[in-house]
Amino acid sequence: MQDTYLVMSDKVEATGDWFDNWAVQMRKGLLDFCILRALKDGEWYGYALVKALVGIPGIGVAEGSIYPLLSRLKKQGLVDTRLEESNEGPARKYYRLTPQGRQQAEEMAVYFETMIRGVETLGKHKQLTPTTA
């Protein structure tokens, strides 16, 4: 069975469960980082944050899976919340980084950028070409 995935506006074709599992693990690893990165510039209304994350190409996350992540990040002390009354329905919950969350987001960003640069070097440098035994 062949599946087709849309990743960062490039068409990537893959076969079988191996790729499916790999893609799920990649998304799981990136979701915390994406949430913290989004909150880096200020607080977000929960629903707007969910919609922004769902709209990221390649992430493929369901709306219902983000709120448990936000709850876990709050329990870990990385995210804080506040409620604001709304004239249009129930109170709105806003999310923002704590100082610890801001520090963690910065560390994750440095690590992520380093990883991307490292992966991009593969195949570009002659000293990284495979040797024959």
Protein backbone atom coordinates (compact mmCIF):
# COMPACT_ATOMS: atom_id res chain seq x y z
CA MET A 1 0.00 0.00 0.00
CA GLN A 2 1.40 3.39 -0.94
CA ASP A 3 0.57 6.55 1.01
CA THR A 4 1.19 10.12 -0.14
CA TYR A 5 2.06 12.86 2.35
CA LEU A 6 2.22 16.61 1.97
CA VAL A 7 5.21 17.92 3.89
CA MET A 8 6.30 21.55 3.76
CA SER A 9 4.62 21.96 0.37
CA ASP A 10 6.71 19.14 -1.19
CA LYS A 11 5.07 15.90 -2.25
CA VAL A 12 6.71 13.01 -0.45
CA GLU A 13 5.68 9.46 -1.31
CA ALA A 14 6.30 6.67 1.15
CA THR A 15 5.32 3.08 1.59
CA GLY A 16 4.00 1.20 4.54
CA ASP A 17 3.92 1.44 8.27
CA TRP A 18 7.58 2.34 8.72
CA PHE A 19 7.13 5.83 7.32
CA ASP A 20 3.84 6.30 9.15
CA ASN A 21 5.52 5.48 12.46
CA TRP A 22 8.49 7.71 11.71
CA ALA A 23 6.24 10.65 10.77
CA VAL A 24 4.18 10.25 13.96
CA GLN A 25 7.35 10.26 16.08
CA MET A 26 8.63 13.38 14.29
CA ARG A 27 5.36 15.22 14.92
CA LYS A 28 5.26 14.19 18.59
CA GLY A 29 8.77 15.46 19.07
CA LEU A 30 8.01 18.79 17.44
CA LEU A 31 4.67 19.64 19.01
CA ASP A 32 6.01 20.82 22.37
CA PHE A 33 8.57 22.93 20.55
CA CYS A 34 5.91 24.39 18.23
CA ILE A 35 3.70 25.34 21.18
CA LEU A 36 6.53 26.98 23.10
CA ARG A 37 7.79 28.72 19.98
CA ALA A 38 4.32 30.13 19.23
CA LEU A 39 4.04 31.47 22.79
CA LYS A 40 7.51 33.04 22.67
CA ASP A 41 6.16 36.32 21.29
CA GLY A 42 3.21 36.62 23.66
CA GLU A 43 0.09 34.99 24.93
CA TRP A 44 -2.43 33.23 22.72
CA TYR A 45 -6.10 32.51 23.10
CA GLY A 46 -6.28 28.71 23.31
CA TYR A 47 -8.57 28.19 20.33
CA ALA A 48 -6.47 30.48 18.11
CA LEU A 49 -3.30 28.63 19.13
CA VAL A 50 -4.93 25.30 18.30
CA LYS A 51 -6.01 26.56 14.87
CA ALA A 52 -2.51 27.91 14.15
CA LEU A 53 -0.88 24.60 15.09
CA VAL A 54 -3.39 22.54 13.11
CA GLY A 55 -2.60 24.74 10.09
CA ILE A 56 1.14 24.01 10.04
CA PRO A 57 1.96 21.91 6.98
CA GLY A 58 3.41 18.52 7.86
CA ILE A 59 2.45 18.61 11.53
CA GLY A 60 -0.87 16.85 10.95
CA VAL A 61 -2.10 17.25 14.51
CA ALA A 62 -5.72 16.90 15.58
CA GLU A 63 -7.32 19.74 17.54
CA GLY A 64 -8.17 17.46 20.45
CA SER A 65 -4.56 16.43 21.03
CA ILE A 66 -3.24 19.95 21.67
CA TYR A 67 -5.16 20.79 24.85
CA PRO A 68 -3.69 17.81 26.75
CA LEU A 69 -0.21 18.97 25.67
CA LEU A 70 -0.95 22.48 26.93
CA SER A 71 -2.16 21.01 30.23
CA ARG A 72 1.03 18.96 30.57
CA LEU A 73 3.21 21.99 29.77
CA LYS A 74 1.34 23.92 32.47
CA LYS A 75 1.94 21.15 35.02
CA GLN A 76 5.62 21.19 34.09
CA GLY A 77 5.76 24.92 34.83
CA LEU A 78 6.51 25.96 31.25
CA VAL A 79 3.13 27.55 30.46
CA ASP A 80 0.74 29.63 32.52
CA THR A 81 -2.90 30.47 31.83
CA ARG A 82 -5.42 33.16 32.58
CA LEU A 83 -9.16 33.33 32.04
CA GLU A 84 -10.86 36.33 30.49
CA GLU A 85 -14.61 36.80 30.52
CA SER A 86 -16.24 36.94 27.11
CA ASN A 87 -19.50 38.57 26.02
CA GLU A 88 -19.84 35.92 23.33
CA GLY A 89 -19.87 32.78 25.50
CA PRO A 90 -17.76 31.11 28.15
CA ALA A 91 -14.59 32.66 29.51
CA ARG A 92 -11.58 32.41 27.21
CA LYS A 93 -8.38 30.75 28.35
CA TYR A 94 -5.14 32.44 27.33
CA TYR A 95 -1.74 30.74 27.40
CA ARG A 96 1.67 32.33 27.93
CA LEU A 97 5.19 31.19 28.70
CA THR A 98 6.58 31.24 32.20
CA PRO A 99 10.20 32.36 32.63
CA GLN A 100 11.15 28.67 32.75
CA GLY A 101 9.12 28.05 29.59
CA ARG A 102 10.85 30.96 27.84
CA GLN A 103 14.26 29.52 28.76
CA GLN A 104 13.23 26.05 27.59
CA ALA A 105 11.90 27.47 24.30
CA GLU A 106 15.23 29.19 23.67
CA GLU A 107 17.20 26.02 24.42
CA MET A 108 14.93 24.00 22.13
CA ALA A 109 15.28 26.57 19.33
CA VAL A 110 19.09 26.46 19.52
CA TYR A 111 19.06 22.67 19.52
CA PHE A 112 16.58 22.50 16.64
CA GLU A 113 18.57 24.95 14.49
CA THR A 114 21.79 23.04 15.22
CA MET A 115 20.11 19.78 14.24
CA ILE A 116 18.77 21.24 11.00
CA ARG A 117 22.19 22.61 10.04
CA GLY A 118 23.76 19.26 10.84
CA VAL A 119 21.27 17.30 8.76
CA GLU A 120 21.68 19.74 5.86
CA THR A 121 25.43 19.08 5.78
CA LEU A 122 24.87 15.41 5.02
CA GLY A 123 25.71 14.80 1.39
CA LYS A 124 27.12 18.30 0.89
CA HIS A 125 30.67 17.69 2.10
CA LYS A 126 33.10 15.25 0.50
CA GLN A 127 34.44 14.17 3.90
CA LEU A 128 30.96 12.89 4.80
CA THR A 129 30.72 10.52 1.85
CA PRO A 130 30.69 6.84 2.78
CA THR A 131 33.89 4.83 2.62
CA THR A 132 34.14 1.29 1.35
CA ALA A 133 35.48 -1.39 3.65
